[in-house]
Protein backbone atom coordinates (compact mmCIF):
# COMPACT_ATOMS: atom_id res chain seq x y z
CA UNK A 1 -26.57 -38.51 -35.15
CA UNK A 2 -26.39 -36.12 -38.09
CA UNK A 3 -22.74 -36.59 -38.94
CA UNK A 4 -20.93 -36.42 -42.23
CA UNK A 5 -18.29 -38.90 -43.27
CA UNK A 6 -15.90 -36.12 -44.23
CA UNK A 7 -12.65 -36.12 -42.27
CA UNK A 8 -9.81 -33.65 -41.84
CA UNK A 9 -6.28 -34.78 -42.60
CA UNK A 10 -5.54 -35.28 -38.90
CA UNK A 11 -8.86 -36.75 -37.80
CA UNK A 12 -10.36 -40.19 -38.38
CA UNK A 13 -13.72 -39.65 -36.73
CA UNK A 14 -16.72 -38.14 -38.53
CA UNK A 15 -17.76 -34.77 -37.22
CA UNK A 16 -20.78 -32.48 -36.91
CA UNK A 17 -20.72 -30.68 -40.23
CA UNK A 18 -23.02 -27.79 -39.32
CA UNK A 19 -20.80 -26.80 -36.42
CA UNK A 20 -17.99 -26.22 -38.91
CA UNK A 21 -20.35 -24.02 -40.92
CA UNK A 22 -21.36 -22.04 -37.84
CA UNK A 23 -17.71 -21.45 -37.09
CA UNK A 24 -17.48 -19.97 -40.58
CA UNK A 25 -20.53 -17.76 -39.99
CA UNK A 26 -18.95 -16.48 -36.77
CA UNK A 27 -15.61 -15.87 -38.53
CA UNK A 28 -17.35 -13.84 -41.23
CA UNK A 29 -19.19 -11.81 -38.60
CA UNK A 30 -15.85 -11.19 -36.86
CA UNK A 31 -14.48 -9.69 -40.07
CA UNK A 32 -17.50 -7.38 -40.32
CA UNK A 33 -17.20 -6.52 -36.62
CA UNK A 34 -13.56 -5.55 -37.14
CA UNK A 35 -14.58 -3.23 -39.97
CA UNK A 36 -16.71 -1.24 -37.53
CA UNK A 37 -14.11 -1.57 -34.80
CA UNK A 38 -11.79 0.21 -37.22
CA UNK A 39 -14.11 3.22 -37.38
CA UNK A 40 -14.16 3.47 -33.58
CA UNK A 41 -10.38 2.96 -33.36
CA UNK A 42 -9.66 5.63 -35.95
CA UNK A 43 -11.99 8.01 -34.17
CA UNK A 44 -10.32 7.61 -30.77
CA UNK A 45 -6.80 7.60 -32.27
CA UNK A 46 -7.54 11.00 -33.78
CA UNK A 47 -8.92 12.24 -30.46
CA UNK A 48 -12.57 12.22 -31.38
CA UNK A 49 -15.70 10.26 -30.43
CA UNK A 50 -16.58 7.79 -27.69
CA UNK A 51 -14.83 4.74 -29.10
CA UNK A 52 -18.04 2.69 -29.04
CA UNK A 53 -18.49 0.24 -31.91
CA UNK A 54 -21.70 1.10 -33.69
CA UNK A 55 -22.51 -2.18 -35.46
CA UNK A 56 -22.15 -5.78 -34.20
CA UNK A 57 -21.01 -4.29 -30.91
CA UNK A 58 -20.65 -7.72 -29.31
CA UNK A 59 -18.82 -9.32 -32.23
CA UNK A 60 -15.74 -9.95 -30.11
CA UNK A 61 -17.56 -12.72 -28.21
CA UNK A 62 -17.37 -14.79 -31.38
CA UNK A 63 -14.04 -15.82 -29.85
CA UNK A 64 -15.92 -17.28 -26.88
CA UNK A 65 -18.20 -19.10 -29.30
CA UNK A 66 -15.09 -20.56 -30.95
CA UNK A 67 -13.90 -21.76 -27.54
CA UNK A 68 -17.19 -23.57 -26.90
CA UNK A 69 -17.06 -25.15 -30.35
CA UNK A 70 -13.46 -26.25 -29.79
CA UNK A 71 -14.30 -27.81 -26.45
CA UNK A 72 -17.26 -29.67 -27.93
CA UNK A 73 -15.36 -30.94 -30.97
CA UNK A 74 -12.20 -31.92 -29.07
CA UNK A 75 -14.13 -33.79 -26.38
CA UNK A 76 -16.22 -35.60 -28.99
CA UNK A 77 -13.26 -36.42 -31.20
CA UNK A 78 -10.74 -37.54 -28.58
CA UNK A 79 -12.38 -38.57 -25.30
CA UNK A 80 -12.77 -42.20 -26.35
CA UNK A 81 -9.45 -42.48 -28.19
CA UNK A 82 -6.94 -42.26 -25.37
CA UNK A 83 -6.52 -46.01 -25.08
CA UNK A 84 -5.00 -45.96 -28.57
CA UNK A 85 -3.40 -42.51 -28.56
CA UNK A 86 -0.43 -41.03 -26.74
CA UNK A 87 -0.03 -37.49 -25.50
CA UNK A 88 2.52 -36.94 -28.24
CA UNK A 89 0.06 -38.18 -30.84
CA UNK A 90 -2.64 -35.82 -29.61
CA UNK A 91 -0.33 -32.80 -29.60
CA UNK A 92 0.97 -33.64 -33.08
CA UNK A 93 -2.59 -33.83 -34.39
CA UNK A 94 -3.49 -30.47 -32.90
CA UNK A 95 -0.28 -28.79 -34.10
CA UNK A 96 -0.78 -30.12 -37.63
CA UNK A 97 -4.34 -28.82 -37.60
CA UNK A 98 -3.61 -25.36 -36.20
CA UNK A 99 -0.01 -24.30 -36.60
CA UNK A 100 0.58 -24.06 -40.37
CA UNK A 101 -1.98 -21.27 -40.67
CA UNK A 102 -0.50 -19.52 -37.63
CA UNK A 103 2.84 -19.37 -39.44
CA UNK A 104 1.12 -18.06 -42.56
CA UNK A 105 -0.71 -15.44 -40.49
CA UNK A 106 2.64 -14.28 -39.11
CA UNK A 107 4.11 -14.03 -42.61
CA UNK A 108 1.13 -12.09 -43.97
CA UNK A 109 1.21 -9.86 -40.89
CA UNK A 110 4.86 -9.11 -41.55
CA UNK A 111 4.19 -8.28 -45.21
CA UNK A 112 1.36 -5.86 -44.38
CA UNK A 113 3.45 -4.25 -41.64
CA UNK A 114 6.25 -3.66 -44.14
CA UNK A 115 3.74 -2.28 -46.66
CA UNK A 116 2.59 0.12 -43.96
CA UNK A 117 6.12 1.48 -43.60
CA UNK A 118 6.86 -0.33 -40.29
CA UNK A 119 5.01 2.43 -38.49
CA UNK A 120 3.67 2.03 -34.98
CA UNK A 121 0.35 3.67 -34.19
CA UNK A 122 2.15 6.76 -32.86
CA UNK A 123 4.12 7.17 -36.09
CA UNK A 124 7.39 5.73 -34.78
CA UNK A 125 9.19 3.52 -37.31
CA UNK A 126 10.09 0.07 -35.99
CA UNK A 127 13.65 -1.17 -36.73
CA UNK A 128 13.79 -4.04 -39.20
CA UNK A 129 15.41 -6.21 -36.52
CA UNK A 130 12.34 -5.82 -34.34
CA UNK A 131 10.13 -6.89 -37.24
CA UNK A 132 12.26 -9.98 -37.90
CA UNK A 133 12.16 -10.91 -34.21
CA UNK A 134 8.41 -10.38 -34.11
CA UNK A 135 7.99 -12.69 -37.11
CA UNK A 136 10.06 -15.42 -35.49
CA UNK A 137 8.35 -15.24 -32.10
CA UNK A 138 4.87 -14.97 -33.61
CA UNK A 139 5.50 -18.09 -35.69
CA UNK A 140 6.69 -19.85 -32.51
CA UNK A 141 3.62 -18.69 -30.54
CA UNK A 142 5.72 -16.65 -28.09
CA UNK A 143 3.83 -13.51 -27.01
CA UNK A 144 5.33 -10.02 -26.87
CA UNK A 145 5.50 -8.02 -23.68
CA UNK A 146 4.20 -4.43 -23.98
CA UNK A 147 7.09 -2.10 -24.74
CA UNK A 148 9.46 -4.84 -25.89
CA UNK A 149 11.40 -4.48 -29.12
CA UNK A 150 9.19 -7.01 -30.94
CA UNK A 151 5.92 -5.42 -29.76
CA UNK A 152 6.15 -3.61 -33.06
CA UNK A 153 2.85 -1.69 -33.23
CA UNK A 154 3.12 -0.05 -29.83
CA UNK A 155 -0.45 -0.98 -28.92
CA UNK A 156 0.31 -3.66 -26.34
CA UNK A 157 -0.85 -6.59 -28.47
CA UNK A 158 0.35 -10.06 -27.51
CA UNK A 159 0.95 -10.78 -31.20
CA UNK A 160 1.32 -7.39 -32.90
CA UNK A 161 1.77 -8.80 -36.39
CA UNK A 162 -1.55 -10.62 -36.13
CA UNK A 163 -3.64 -9.55 -33.17
CA UNK A 164 -6.27 -12.34 -33.12
CA UNK A 165 -3.54 -14.92 -32.59
CA UNK A 166 -3.93 -14.27 -28.85
CA UNK A 167 -7.01 -16.52 -28.86
CA UNK A 168 -4.98 -19.37 -30.37
CA UNK A 169 -2.39 -18.86 -27.64
CA UNK A 170 -5.07 -19.62 -25.07
CA UNK A 171 -6.52 -22.37 -27.26
CA UNK A 172 -3.13 -24.10 -27.18
CA UNK A 173 -3.14 -23.83 -23.39
CA UNK A 174 -6.65 -25.27 -23.34
CA UNK A 175 -5.51 -28.24 -25.42
CA UNK A 176 -2.65 -28.89 -23.02
CA UNK A 177 -4.93 -28.70 -19.96
CA UNK A 178 -7.43 -31.01 -21.64
CA UNK A 179 -4.80 -33.61 -22.49
CA UNK A 180 -3.16 -33.54 -19.05
CA UNK A 181 -6.18 -33.07 -16.77
CA UNK A 182 -9.68 -32.55 -18.13
CA UNK A 183 -9.92 -35.76 -20.14
CA UNK A 184 -9.31 -37.72 -16.94
CA UNK A 185 -12.23 -36.11 -15.09
CA UNK A 186 -15.54 -37.86 -14.69
CA UNK A 187 -18.55 -36.04 -16.08
CA UNK A 188 -19.55 -35.09 -12.54
CA UNK A 189 -16.12 -33.60 -11.78
CA UNK A 190 -16.16 -31.82 -15.14
CA UNK A 191 -19.54 -30.29 -14.23
CA UNK A 192 -18.07 -29.11 -10.91
CA UNK A 193 -15.14 -27.55 -12.75
CA UNK A 194 -17.55 -25.78 -15.11
CA UNK A 195 -19.49 -24.42 -12.11
CA UNK A 196 -16.29 -23.11 -10.50
CA UNK A 197 -15.17 -21.49 -13.74
CA UNK A 198 -18.64 -19.98 -14.20
CA UNK A 199 -18.31 -18.27 -10.82
CA UNK A 200 -14.83 -16.94 -11.67
CA UNK A 201 -16.00 -15.85 -15.10
CA UNK A 202 -18.96 -13.95 -13.64
CA UNK A 203 -16.81 -12.30 -10.96
CA UNK A 204 -14.16 -11.12 -13.42
CA UNK A 205 -16.51 -9.70 -16.00
CA UNK A 206 -19.73 -8.65 -14.30
CA UNK A 207 -17.73 -6.93 -11.54
CA UNK A 208 -15.56 -5.50 -14.35
CA UNK A 209 -12.15 -6.20 -12.81
CA UNK A 210 -10.45 -5.21 -16.08
CA UNK A 211 -12.31 -1.91 -16.48
CA UNK A 212 -13.08 -2.83 -20.12
CA UNK A 213 -16.86 -3.01 -19.51
CA UNK A 214 -16.91 -6.18 -21.64
CA UNK A 215 -15.44 -9.68 -21.73
CA UNK A 216 -12.89 -8.50 -24.31
CA UNK A 217 -9.70 -9.34 -22.43
CA UNK A 218 -6.78 -11.64 -23.17
CA UNK A 219 -5.22 -9.82 -26.12
CA UNK A 220 -2.22 -8.40 -24.24
CA UNK A 221 0.15 -9.49 -21.49
CA UNK A 222 -0.67 -7.95 -18.17
CA UNK A 223 -2.00 -9.47 -14.96
CA UNK A 224 -5.76 -9.32 -15.63
CA UNK A 225 -5.41 -10.10 -19.35
CA UNK A 226 -3.26 -13.15 -18.65
CA UNK A 227 -5.18 -14.92 -15.90
CA UNK A 228 -8.48 -13.36 -16.90
CA UNK A 229 -7.91 -14.46 -20.48
CA UNK A 230 -7.23 -17.97 -19.20
CA UNK A 231 -10.58 -18.02 -17.40
CA UNK A 232 -12.23 -16.48 -20.46
CA UNK A 233 -11.01 -19.44 -22.52
CA UNK A 234 -11.45 -22.22 -19.96
CA UNK A 235 -15.08 -21.51 -19.06
CA UNK A 236 -16.58 -21.85 -22.55
CA UNK A 237 -14.00 -24.51 -23.46
CA UNK A 238 -15.14 -26.76 -20.61
CA UNK A 239 -18.81 -25.90 -21.24
CA UNK A 240 -18.34 -27.28 -24.75
CA UNK A 241 -16.74 -30.44 -23.37
CA UNK A 242 -19.52 -30.98 -20.85
CA UNK A 243 -22.07 -30.46 -23.61
CA UNK A 244 -20.31 -33.05 -25.80
CA UNK A 245 -20.39 -35.62 -23.01
CA UNK A 246 -24.07 -35.12 -22.22
CA UNK A 247 -25.38 -34.37 -25.71
CA UNK A 248 -28.38 -36.35 -26.92
CA UNK A 249 -29.19 -35.48 -30.55
CA UNK A 250 -32.60 -34.72 -31.95
CA UNK A 251 -33.52 -33.89 -35.50
CA UNK A 252 -33.91 -30.13 -35.95
CA UNK A 253 -34.94 -28.68 -39.30
CA UNK A 254 -33.26 -25.52 -40.60
CA UNK A 255 -30.81 -25.66 -37.68
CA UNK A 256 -27.99 -23.95 -39.60
CA UNK A 257 -30.10 -20.94 -40.55
CA UNK A 258 -31.71 -20.67 -37.11
CA UNK A 259 -28.31 -20.73 -35.43
CA UNK A 260 -26.84 -18.22 -37.88
CA UNK A 261 -29.71 -15.82 -37.21
CA UNK A 262 -29.27 -16.18 -33.44
CA UNK A 263 -25.55 -15.47 -33.74
CA UNK A 264 -26.17 -12.35 -35.79
CA UNK A 265 -28.86 -11.12 -33.39
CA UNK A 266 -26.63 -11.82 -30.38
CA UNK A 267 -23.73 -9.80 -31.79
CA UNK A 268 -25.97 -6.95 -32.98
CA UNK A 269 -27.41 -5.96 -29.58
CA UNK A 270 -26.28 -2.37 -28.85
CA UNK A 271 -23.93 -1.47 -26.02
CA UNK A 272 -25.67 -1.70 -22.65
CA UNK A 273 -24.71 1.15 -20.31
CA UNK A 274 -24.29 0.57 -16.58
CA UNK A 275 -25.59 2.81 -13.85
CA UNK A 276 -24.19 1.03 -10.80
CA UNK A 277 -21.08 -0.93 -9.85
CA UNK A 278 -21.86 -3.90 -12.09
CA UNK A 279 -21.12 -3.99 -15.82
CA UNK A 280 -24.43 -4.64 -17.52
CA UNK A 281 -22.72 -4.91 -20.90
CA UNK A 282 -20.49 -7.66 -19.55
CA UNK A 283 -23.46 -9.34 -17.87
CA UNK A 284 -25.19 -9.59 -21.24
CA UNK A 285 -22.08 -11.14 -22.80
CA UNK A 286 -21.65 -13.59 -19.90
CA UNK A 287 -25.27 -14.71 -20.34
CA UNK A 288 -24.66 -15.21 -24.06
CA UNK A 289 -21.56 -17.31 -23.39
CA UNK A 290 -23.11 -19.37 -20.58
CA UNK A 291 -26.55 -20.00 -22.08
CA UNK A 292 -27.11 -18.75 -25.64
CA UNK A 293 -23.96 -20.19 -27.22
CA UNK A 294 -24.40 -23.70 -25.76
CA UNK A 295 -27.96 -23.70 -27.15
CA UNK A 296 -26.62 -22.71 -30.56
CA UNK A 297 -24.06 -25.53 -30.44
CA UNK A 298 -26.75 -28.02 -29.40
CA UNK A 299 -29.05 -26.89 -32.20
CA UNK A 300 -26.23 -27.00 -34.73
CA UNK A 301 -25.24 -30.50 -33.65
CA UNK A 302 -28.86 -31.58 -34.15
CA UNK A 303 -29.06 -30.22 -37.69
CA UNK A 304 -28.58 -32.00 -40.97
CA UNK A 305 -25.98 -30.93 -43.55
CA UNK A 306 -27.77 -31.82 -46.74
CA UNK A 307 -28.25 -30.19 -50.13
CA UNK A 308 -27.38 -26.54 -50.56
CA UNK A 309 -27.22 -26.03 -46.80
CA UNK A 310 -24.52 -28.67 -46.58
CA UNK A 311 -22.53 -27.12 -49.41
CA UNK A 312 -22.73 -23.62 -47.93
CA UNK A 313 -21.90 -24.93 -44.48
CA UNK A 314 -18.98 -26.95 -45.83
CA UNK A 315 -17.47 -23.97 -47.66
CA UNK A 316 -17.86 -21.71 -44.64
CA UNK A 317 -16.38 -24.39 -42.42
CA UNK A 318 -13.34 -24.82 -44.64
CA UNK A 319 -12.81 -21.04 -44.73
CA UNK A 320 -13.47 -20.39 -41.04
CA UNK A 321 -10.00 -20.85 -39.57
CA UNK A 322 -8.01 -19.37 -42.49
CA UNK A 323 -10.35 -16.36 -42.60
CA UNK A 324 -10.05 -15.75 -38.88
CA UNK A 325 -6.28 -16.02 -38.85
CA UNK A 326 -5.41 -14.00 -41.99
CA UNK A 327 -7.97 -11.20 -42.08
CA UNK A 328 -6.53 -8.95 -39.38
CA UNK A 329 -3.26 -8.09 -41.17
CA UNK A 330 -5.50 -6.67 -43.91
CA UNK A 331 -7.41 -4.78 -41.22
CA UNK A 332 -4.21 -3.10 -40.02
CA UNK A 333 -3.82 -1.45 -43.42
CA UNK A 334 -7.51 -0.52 -43.44
CA UNK A 335 -7.24 1.01 -39.94
CA UNK A 336 -4.18 3.06 -40.94
CA UNK A 337 -6.09 4.33 -43.98
CA UNK A 338 -9.07 5.31 -41.83
CA UNK A 339 -6.83 7.17 -39.40
CA UNK A 340 -5.01 8.99 -42.20
CA UNK A 341 -8.24 9.98 -43.97
CA UNK A 342 -10.17 10.78 -40.77
CA UNK A 343 -12.97 8.43 -41.82
CA UNK A 344 -15.14 7.29 -38.92
CA UNK A 345 -18.25 5.77 -40.51
CA UNK A 346 -19.31 3.36 -43.19
CA UNK A 347 -20.77 6.23 -45.20
CA UNK A 348 -17.35 7.92 -45.40
CA UNK A 349 -15.57 5.01 -47.00
CA UNK A 350 -17.56 4.16 -50.13
CA UNK A 351 -16.65 0.61 -51.24
CA UNK A 352 -13.49 0.15 -49.16
CA UNK A 353 -15.07 -2.05 -46.42
CA UNK A 354 -16.51 -4.35 -49.09
CA UNK A 355 -13.07 -4.54 -50.72
CA UNK A 356 -11.47 -5.39 -47.36
CA UNK A 357 -13.97 -8.20 -46.77
CA UNK A 358 -13.56 -9.54 -50.31
CA UNK A 359 -9.75 -9.44 -50.11
CA UNK A 360 -9.82 -11.19 -46.72
CA UNK A 361 -12.05 -13.98 -48.05
CA UNK A 362 -10.00 -14.39 -51.24
CA UNK A 363 -6.75 -14.44 -49.27
CA UNK A 364 -8.17 -17.02 -46.85
CA UNK A 365 -9.33 -19.25 -49.70
CA UNK A 366 -5.98 -19.01 -51.47
CA UNK A 367 -4.12 -19.86 -48.26
CA UNK A 368 -6.47 -22.80 -47.64
CA UNK A 369 -6.07 -24.39 -51.06
CA UNK A 370 -2.50 -23.47 -51.97
CA UNK A 371 -0.88 -23.77 -48.54
CA UNK A 372 -2.88 -25.07 -45.58
CA UNK A 373 -4.43 -28.22 -47.05
CA UNK A 374 -1.26 -29.38 -48.88
CA UNK A 375 0.98 -28.65 -45.89
CA UNK A 376 -1.31 -30.42 -43.42
CA UNK A 377 -1.57 -33.39 -45.76
CA UNK A 378 2.22 -33.59 -46.03
CA UNK A 379 2.69 -33.23 -42.27
CA UNK A 380 0.08 -35.89 -41.54
CA UNK A 381 1.77 -38.29 -43.95
CA UNK A 382 5.21 -37.61 -42.51
CA UNK A 383 4.45 -37.53 -38.79
CA UNK A 384 1.22 -39.51 -38.34
CA UNK A 385 2.21 -42.53 -40.43
CA UNK A 386 -0.68 -41.95 -42.83
CA UNK A 387 -0.69 -43.08 -46.42
């Protein structure tokens, strides 16, 4: 298998290096997607336009790609380690890997919210006590109910200081379900679970139970977003685990670049309008999640991380999680600027989108090197008995 010998602070098993790089590619595409989401959001907030995202319209399903990658990596890394590992050990490893950056995302989200004058989207100023409570609960991974004091932006977000944290909320649930249940299932039972979740996934999204006309649910706390978001996470998560159990590697040249191109093409397909009862836009995204993304993961796992490709993939992999978790607080300021200036297209904004992307990447890199890596190393040494 094309594995590197590089290990994270909380892992002892070599991993598929190109999959880390593809996570970084997807994270970068998410940042670009959110730039164009900002144009659509500003347009609708000011009472104009259709609200459709004009570029990388399907960029939000990068989250579903992350779920497949997580399922694959977790199953590969931990399935054969349970004879020597306790539940507590597994949860400590996952918390050390994920939670420091979540806390940093909450802090950066608080700072940008204060810079923005503590204003909700309707112009209401949030009391400082609500901001402090939001910071505490966001750092503790406790979601906000719409309309509560700590739902500080007034937009219904589960984590209003850092919107994308909702996906980590479900990722944490997925880790718990894996440790308690999924790891104990035979491959046959896992395949049956995947089939059941595929049916639920198709029903929720193709029949458009949310009314969103996409798979983009899970970001707020209401009935369909809560249980629908759980299915949204569990289906690709278990697909990744099934793929890890059945994977047989082959040598594929240029796998990283092929997979990156497929990801970009997948996200760039324009919105697909529906004429009947079914959501054709959601159907496209379901097909991508069920078939295209597993193929990308398989191809990426078959690739070789050597030379310049390995260096690029390694850098993108290191940046992937910090970039995903810290970029959106910067986006909040960008969105407020777009709304204030009535800018609704890339052409209106000159160099500002490029500055937003550059600042997000620089901030992610700084957080990685100055905070995340040292903190995880210290936590691993203190709690995992590592020297």
